[in-house]
Amino acid sequence: MYGKAFAPEYQGSLTTTLSVNSSLVDVLAAGTEQLRAAERSGCPRETARVGLAVAEAHRRLGHVTDADREWKASYRAARTAGDAGAMAWALWSGGTLARQRGALALAWRLLGFAAELGEHGGDILARGYSLAGLAETGRIQGDYEAVSALHEQLLAEARERGEARHTVWALEGIAQMHRNTGSYDTAYAMFEESAAIAAQADDRRGHAWALRGLADIVSVRDGDADRALELLAEAEVTCRTMNLMSALAYNHKMRGNVLYRAGRYAEARDIYQEALTEFRAMSEPRGEALARLGLVKSLARLGRDRDGTASDLAELAGVLDRIGLRHARRMVDRARVELGITEDAEGTTASPERLREAATA
């Protein structure tokens, strides 16, 4: 039903030399070489197409300043060439980077423009990936009602085309929403299907993310920390082999979650600190906030004073409010309930409505 996964963001002369499983270090090296050749030849279309791979390699490696420069250069070259499809891909890269950096309003704008250009230019994949970016932006904000239908639409389109990588992405996104709303069995089944499709299509990145999802369910639903840690260890091998720095940091953050749920607070503290360092190195505020939350909870369990914990939770609540991450913001409220903290650092009592919502979420 599904063919081998491919990476449509590797374009131009890179289409036949790079695969979905290429190490990001190799992608950056090959992309930079071909980008310089395209610039020397004075071909703006090729410059735009291979520049996209350079931008994406920088983004996924956590080089946010370089990624920002390269996607903009790719867009300018595409505009010079009059290539609407290449312009759409560059905007998709820029929108994805904006989301990674926590600039969600900018992500919405860039991805929306990318989807329009993809449709205008007849680039079905650019349109699909851009719509997927919009769906993912809404999902990480916690606005499930707004983006659930779009996830389902994109899943149906990917299945119809037999496009494994996009099917895997959509399944994992829908599974994550089910997991976050307590439908663990449904989430597990979708992560399991995603892992199977990714393995069949040789999509190692998608497979690693699916394993992370399965580990989360095994931990929270079944209480099986050992099995969850085995799944995460398997995924970590792929993350390191392919230099998937963001995926590796989220893997470590999930490892912290598993250890915390198992009551292994000192181990959880150490791995949360490792993940926090990784997220900070790549300027990824969402991951940083989630790792900080785990670290604060672990330290509280290890005997940290109540006022310090309350202060950190209040600061995190403000950070997540500013970014616009509603689901993660509710996690802070649940942490307050779990740790018996009903006041913030200034002594202001949290609203009863918010505490009731957190306790029952």
Protein backbone atom coordinates (compact mmCIF):
# COMPACT_ATOMS: atom_id res chain seq x y z
CA MET A 1 0.00 0.00 0.00
CA TYR A 2 2.82 2.40 0.86
CA GLY A 3 6.01 2.97 -1.08
CA LYS A 4 9.37 3.84 0.38
CA ALA A 5 9.41 7.11 2.27
CA PHE A 6 11.04 10.08 0.58
CA ALA A 7 12.03 13.61 1.61
CA PRO A 8 10.46 16.20 -0.73
CA GLU A 9 12.43 18.99 0.96
CA TYR A 10 15.60 17.64 -0.68
CA GLN A 11 15.19 19.11 -4.15
CA GLY A 12 17.06 20.04 -7.29
CA SER A 13 20.35 18.17 -7.69
CA LEU A 14 19.88 16.72 -4.18
CA THR A 15 16.78 14.72 -5.08
CA THR A 16 18.74 11.66 -6.13
CA THR A 17 21.64 11.96 -3.69
CA LEU A 18 19.86 12.35 -0.34
CA SER A 19 17.22 10.20 1.31
CA VAL A 20 14.78 10.62 4.15
CA ASN A 21 17.30 8.78 6.35
CA SER A 22 20.38 10.83 5.43
CA SER A 23 22.29 12.15 8.43
CA LEU A 24 21.64 15.85 8.87
CA VAL A 25 25.38 16.47 8.95
CA ASP A 26 25.60 14.83 5.52
CA VAL A 27 22.60 16.82 4.29
CA LEU A 28 24.22 20.06 5.38
CA ALA A 29 27.53 19.21 3.73
CA ALA A 30 26.01 18.07 0.42
CA GLY A 31 23.48 20.89 0.38
CA THR A 32 26.07 23.57 1.02
CA GLU A 33 28.30 22.22 -1.75
CA GLN A 34 25.46 22.18 -4.27
CA LEU A 35 24.20 25.58 -3.11
CA ARG A 36 27.57 27.18 -3.80
CA ALA A 37 27.68 25.53 -7.24
CA ALA A 38 24.18 26.83 -8.04
CA GLU A 39 25.14 30.33 -6.95
CA ARG A 40 28.26 30.25 -9.11
CA SER A 41 26.24 29.10 -12.13
CA GLY A 42 23.75 31.92 -11.65
CA CYS A 43 20.71 29.63 -11.56
CA PRO A 44 18.19 31.08 -9.07
CA ARG A 45 15.76 28.15 -9.32
CA GLU A 46 18.45 25.60 -8.39
CA THR A 47 19.76 27.97 -5.72
CA ALA A 48 16.29 28.09 -4.16
CA ARG A 49 15.73 24.35 -4.36
CA VAL A 50 19.04 23.21 -2.86
CA GLY A 51 19.03 26.12 -0.42
CA LEU A 52 15.89 24.64 1.13
CA ALA A 53 17.81 21.53 2.21
CA VAL A 54 20.51 23.71 3.77
CA ALA A 55 17.88 25.69 5.70
CA GLU A 56 16.18 22.52 6.92
CA ALA A 57 19.44 20.87 7.99
CA HIS A 58 20.38 23.95 10.00
CA ARG A 59 16.91 24.08 11.58
CA ARG A 60 16.88 20.43 12.60
CA LEU A 61 20.40 20.68 13.97
CA GLY A 62 19.33 23.62 16.11
CA HIS A 63 21.28 26.29 14.18
CA VAL A 64 18.40 28.76 14.25
CA THR A 65 20.27 31.85 13.06
CA ASP A 66 21.71 30.01 10.07
CA ALA A 67 18.33 28.42 9.31
CA ASP A 68 16.64 31.82 9.35
CA ARG A 69 19.20 33.24 6.93
CA GLU A 70 18.98 30.28 4.54
CA TRP A 71 15.21 29.97 4.22
CA LYS A 72 15.00 33.68 3.44
CA ALA A 73 17.76 33.35 0.82
CA SER A 74 15.92 30.39 -0.70
CA TYR A 75 12.73 32.44 -0.88
CA ARG A 76 14.48 35.37 -2.56
CA ALA A 77 16.06 33.08 -5.15
CA ALA A 78 12.70 31.39 -5.82
CA ARG A 79 11.01 34.77 -6.26
CA THR A 80 13.73 35.82 -8.71
CA ALA A 81 13.12 32.61 -10.64
CA GLY A 82 9.35 33.10 -10.55
CA ASP A 83 8.99 29.62 -9.02
CA ALA A 84 5.86 29.63 -6.86
CA GLY A 85 6.44 26.08 -5.67
CA ALA A 86 9.96 26.84 -4.46
CA MET A 87 8.65 29.99 -2.76
CA ALA A 88 6.06 27.86 -0.97
CA TRP A 89 8.69 25.42 0.26
CA ALA A 90 10.89 28.25 1.55
CA LEU A 91 7.96 29.76 3.45
CA TRP A 92 7.13 26.30 4.84
CA SER A 93 10.67 26.07 6.18
CA GLY A 94 10.44 29.56 7.65
CA GLY A 95 7.08 28.83 9.24
CA THR A 96 8.34 25.60 10.74
CA LEU A 97 11.36 27.44 12.15
CA ALA A 98 9.08 30.11 13.61
CA ARG A 99 7.05 27.44 15.40
CA GLN A 100 10.23 25.82 16.69
CA ARG A 101 11.32 29.19 18.10
CA GLY A 102 7.96 29.79 19.78
CA ALA A 103 6.85 32.56 17.38
CA LEU A 104 3.47 30.95 16.77
CA ALA A 105 1.70 33.94 15.23
CA LEU A 106 4.50 34.24 12.66
CA ALA A 107 4.33 30.49 12.04
CA TRP A 108 0.61 30.76 11.24
CA ARG A 109 1.23 33.58 8.76
CA LEU A 110 4.16 32.00 6.94
CA LEU A 111 2.58 28.55 6.72
CA GLY A 112 -0.69 30.04 5.53
CA PHE A 113 1.11 31.91 2.74
CA ALA A 114 3.04 28.74 1.90
CA ALA A 115 -0.17 26.72 1.53
CA GLU A 116 -1.64 29.37 -0.79
CA LEU A 117 1.50 29.50 -2.93
CA GLY A 118 1.71 25.71 -3.06
CA GLU A 119 -1.85 25.53 -4.36
CA HIS A 120 -1.28 28.42 -6.79
CA GLY A 121 1.92 26.81 -8.09
CA GLY A 122 0.37 23.35 -8.41
CA ASP A 123 2.78 21.85 -5.87
CA ILE A 124 0.56 19.39 -4.04
CA LEU A 125 3.26 18.35 -1.59
CA ALA A 126 4.18 21.93 -0.67
CA ARG A 127 0.51 22.64 -0.03
CA GLY A 128 0.11 19.45 2.01
CA TYR A 129 3.21 20.01 4.12
CA SER A 130 2.20 23.62 4.75
CA LEU A 131 -1.31 22.63 5.83
CA ALA A 132 0.30 19.99 8.03
CA GLY A 133 2.45 22.73 9.55
CA LEU A 134 -0.69 24.74 10.35
CA ALA A 135 -2.31 21.67 11.87
CA GLU A 136 0.74 20.94 14.00
CA THR A 137 0.97 24.54 15.17
CA GLY A 138 -2.63 24.38 16.37
CA ARG A 139 -2.05 21.00 17.97
CA ILE A 140 0.96 22.05 20.05
CA GLN A 141 -1.03 25.09 21.17
CA GLY A 142 -3.65 22.68 22.47
CA ASP A 143 -6.39 23.92 20.13
CA TYR A 144 -7.54 20.43 19.19
CA GLU A 145 -11.07 21.38 18.21
CA ALA A 146 -9.73 23.75 15.55
CA VAL A 147 -7.25 21.38 13.92
CA SER A 148 -8.57 17.84 14.44
CA ALA A 149 -10.52 17.90 11.17
CA LEU A 150 -7.47 19.18 9.28
CA HIS A 151 -5.36 16.35 10.68
CA GLU A 152 -7.99 13.84 9.55
CA GLN A 153 -8.20 15.45 6.09
CA LEU A 154 -4.44 15.31 5.63
CA LEU A 155 -4.34 11.71 6.83
CA ALA A 156 -6.98 10.74 4.25
CA GLU A 157 -5.09 12.55 1.47
CA ALA A 158 -1.80 10.91 2.42
CA ARG A 159 -3.40 7.45 2.54
CA GLU A 160 -4.99 8.00 -0.85
CA ARG A 161 -1.63 8.94 -2.37
CA GLY A 162 0.13 6.11 -0.55
CA GLU A 163 2.59 8.63 0.89
CA ALA A 164 4.06 6.87 3.91
CA ARG A 165 5.91 9.73 5.55
CA HIS A 166 2.92 12.05 5.63
CA THR A 167 0.62 9.25 6.75
CA VAL A 168 2.98 8.57 9.64
CA TRP A 169 3.05 12.26 10.58
CA ALA A 170 -0.75 12.56 10.55
CA LEU A 171 -1.27 9.37 12.55
CA GLU A 172 1.19 10.51 15.18
CA GLY A 173 -0.42 13.95 15.46
CA ILE A 174 -3.91 12.49 15.90
CA ALA A 175 -2.56 9.91 18.33
CA GLN A 176 -0.98 12.67 20.40
CA MET A 177 -4.30 14.49 20.69
CA HIS A 178 -6.01 11.26 21.80
CA ARG A 179 -3.24 10.67 24.35
CA ASN A 180 -3.57 14.20 25.74
CA THR A 181 -7.33 13.83 26.15
CA GLY A 182 -7.05 10.47 27.92
CA SER A 183 -7.95 8.07 25.08
CA TYR A 184 -4.88 5.94 25.67
CA ASP A 185 -6.01 2.80 23.85
CA THR A 186 -6.86 4.73 20.69
CA ALA A 187 -3.58 6.62 20.91
CA TYR A 188 -1.60 3.43 21.36
CA ALA A 189 -3.23 1.79 18.33
CA MET A 190 -2.44 4.81 16.14
CA PHE A 191 1.15 5.06 17.33
CA GLU A 192 1.49 1.33 16.70
CA GLU A 193 0.14 1.68 13.15
CA SER A 194 2.43 4.65 12.58
CA ALA A 195 5.46 2.65 13.73
CA ALA A 196 4.54 -0.24 11.42
CA ILE A 197 4.09 2.00 8.36
CA ALA A 198 7.32 3.87 9.10
CA ALA A 199 9.24 0.60 9.44
CA GLN A 200 7.75 -0.74 6.19
CA ALA A 201 8.61 2.49 4.35
CA ASP A 202 12.08 2.80 5.96
CA ASP A 203 11.20 6.15 7.54
CA ARG A 204 13.57 6.04 10.50
CA ARG A 205 12.72 9.51 11.76
CA GLY A 206 9.00 8.78 11.76
CA HIS A 207 9.66 5.42 13.42
CA ALA A 208 11.67 7.06 16.19
CA TRP A 209 8.85 9.52 16.93
CA ALA A 210 6.32 6.67 16.93
CA LEU A 211 8.43 4.73 19.44
CA ARG A 212 8.49 7.80 21.66
CA GLY A 213 4.68 7.93 21.54
CA LEU A 214 4.39 4.24 22.36
CA ALA A 215 6.79 4.65 25.26
CA ASP A 216 4.64 7.44 26.67
CA ILE A 217 1.47 5.32 26.55
CA VAL A 218 3.20 2.25 27.98
CA SER A 219 4.41 4.41 30.86
CA VAL A 220 1.26 6.39 31.65
CA ARG A 221 -1.33 3.69 30.91
CA ASP A 222 0.45 0.50 31.87
CA GLY A 223 2.97 1.75 34.41
CA ASP A 224 5.67 -0.29 32.64
CA ALA A 225 8.72 1.93 32.98
CA ASP A 226 11.20 -0.70 31.88
CA ARG A 227 9.43 -1.35 28.56
CA ALA A 228 9.01 2.39 27.98
CA LEU A 229 12.73 2.97 28.55
CA GLU A 230 13.57 0.16 26.11
CA LEU A 231 11.46 1.83 23.40
CA LEU A 232 13.11 5.18 24.04
CA ALA A 233 16.57 3.60 23.91
CA GLU A 234 15.74 2.11 20.51
CA ALA A 235 14.53 5.49 19.24
CA GLU A 236 17.62 7.23 20.61
CA VAL A 237 19.88 5.14 18.40
CA THR A 238 18.13 6.53 15.32
CA CYS A 239 18.21 10.09 16.66
CA ARG A 240 21.96 9.91 17.20
CA THR A 241 22.69 8.15 13.90
CA MET A 242 20.79 10.77 11.92
CA ASN A 243 21.82 13.71 14.13
CA LEU A 244 18.17 14.47 14.96
CA MET A 245 18.99 16.90 17.73
CA SER A 246 15.45 18.13 18.43
CA ALA A 247 14.04 14.61 18.38
CA LEU A 248 16.84 13.50 20.72
CA ALA A 249 16.05 16.28 23.19
CA TYR A 250 12.35 15.35 23.18
CA ASN A 251 13.35 11.70 23.62
CA HIS A 252 15.32 12.66 26.71
CA LYS A 253 12.45 14.77 28.02
CA MET A 254 10.15 11.76 27.64
CA ARG A 255 12.71 9.57 29.41
CA GLY A 256 12.47 12.05 32.28
CA ASN A 257 8.66 11.72 32.24
CA VAL A 258 8.90 7.93 32.43
CA LEU A 259 11.37 8.03 35.31
CA TYR A 260 9.29 10.61 37.17
CA ARG A 261 6.12 8.55 36.87
CA ALA A 262 8.05 5.56 38.22
CA GLY A 263 9.07 7.54 41.30
CA ARG A 264 12.75 7.59 40.26
CA TYR A 265 13.04 11.30 40.95
CA ALA A 266 16.81 11.70 41.13
CA GLU A 267 17.23 9.98 37.75
CA ALA A 268 14.40 12.07 36.33
CA ARG A 269 16.03 15.27 37.61
CA ASP A 270 19.29 14.45 35.85
CA ILE A 271 17.72 13.58 32.50
CA TYR A 272 15.42 16.62 32.59
CA GLN A 273 18.51 18.77 33.16
CA GLU A 274 20.18 17.14 30.15
CA ALA A 275 17.13 17.77 27.97
CA LEU A 276 16.91 21.37 29.21
CA THR A 277 20.51 21.99 28.17
CA GLU A 278 19.81 20.50 24.74
CA PHE A 279 16.69 22.60 24.17
CA ARG A 280 18.45 25.77 25.24
CA ALA A 281 21.31 25.05 22.85
CA MET A 282 18.87 25.00 19.92
CA SER A 283 16.70 27.89 21.15
CA GLU A 284 13.53 25.78 21.36
CA PRO A 285 11.34 27.45 24.03
CA ARG A 286 8.53 24.89 24.05
CA GLY A 287 10.87 22.00 24.76
CA GLU A 288 12.78 24.13 27.25
CA ALA A 289 9.59 24.94 29.16
CA LEU A 290 8.48 21.30 29.26
CA ALA A 291 11.89 20.14 30.47
CA ARG A 292 11.90 22.88 33.10
CA LEU A 293 8.49 21.77 34.31
CA GLY A 294 9.72 18.21 34.74
CA LEU A 295 12.82 19.45 36.52
CA VAL A 296 10.80 21.62 38.92
CA LYS A 297 8.51 18.72 39.78
CA SER A 298 11.45 16.35 40.31
CA LEU A 299 13.23 18.81 42.59
CA ALA A 300 10.03 19.29 44.58
CA ARG A 301 9.76 15.54 45.07
CA LEU A 302 13.37 15.50 46.22
CA GLY A 303 12.64 18.00 49.00
CA ARG A 304 13.04 21.44 47.46
CA ASP A 305 11.34 24.21 49.44
CA ARG A 306 7.75 25.01 48.57
CA ASP A 307 8.36 28.72 47.85
CA GLY A 308 11.05 27.97 45.27
CA THR A 309 8.78 25.48 43.56
CA ALA A 310 5.86 27.94 43.56
CA SER A 311 8.07 30.66 42.12
CA ASP A 312 9.30 28.49 39.27
CA LEU A 313 5.79 27.27 38.43
CA ALA A 314 4.52 30.86 38.35
CA GLU A 315 7.34 31.85 36.00
CA LEU A 316 6.66 28.86 33.75
CA ALA A 317 2.97 29.70 33.63
CA GLY A 318 3.86 33.18 32.40
CA VAL A 319 6.24 31.83 29.75
CA LEU A 320 3.65 29.40 28.41
CA ASP A 321 0.94 32.06 28.41
CA ARG A 322 3.19 34.35 26.36
CA ILE A 323 4.02 31.62 23.85
CA GLY A 324 0.37 30.56 23.63
CA LEU A 325 0.80 26.89 24.58
CA ARG A 326 -2.51 26.16 26.26
CA HIS A 327 -2.07 22.43 26.77
CA ALA A 328 1.36 22.89 28.34
CA ARG A 329 -0.08 25.72 30.47
CA ARG A 330 -2.68 23.31 31.86
CA MET A 331 0.18 20.97 32.74
CA VAL A 332 1.55 23.66 35.07
CA ASP A 333 -1.83 23.86 36.81
CA ARG A 334 -1.88 20.08 37.19
CA ALA A 335 1.62 20.26 38.68
CA ARG A 336 0.35 22.77 41.26
CA VAL A 337 -2.46 20.41 42.24
CA GLU A 338 -0.13 17.41 42.34
CA LEU A 339 2.39 19.21 44.54
CA GLY A 340 -0.21 20.86 46.76
CA ILE A 341 0.64 24.41 45.70
CA THR A 342 -2.42 26.65 45.48
CA GLU A 343 -0.61 30.00 45.49
CA ASP A 344 1.90 31.54 43.12
CA ALA A 345 5.20 33.12 44.14
CA GLU A 346 3.47 36.43 45.12
CA GLY A 347 0.98 34.64 47.34
CA THR A 348 -1.92 34.98 44.93
CA THR A 349 -4.28 32.04 45.17
CA ALA A 350 -4.92 30.24 41.90
CA SER A 351 -8.55 30.46 40.79
CA PRO A 352 -10.79 27.60 41.99
CA GLU A 353 -12.02 27.09 38.44
CA ARG A 354 -8.48 26.63 37.12
CA LEU A 355 -7.56 24.27 39.95
CA ARG A 356 -10.72 22.19 39.46
CA GLU A 357 -10.00 21.98 35.73
CA ALA A 358 -6.41 20.94 36.40
CA ALA A 359 -7.41 18.30 38.94
CA THR A 360 -9.83 16.64 36.55
CA ALA A 361 -7.80 17.01 33.32
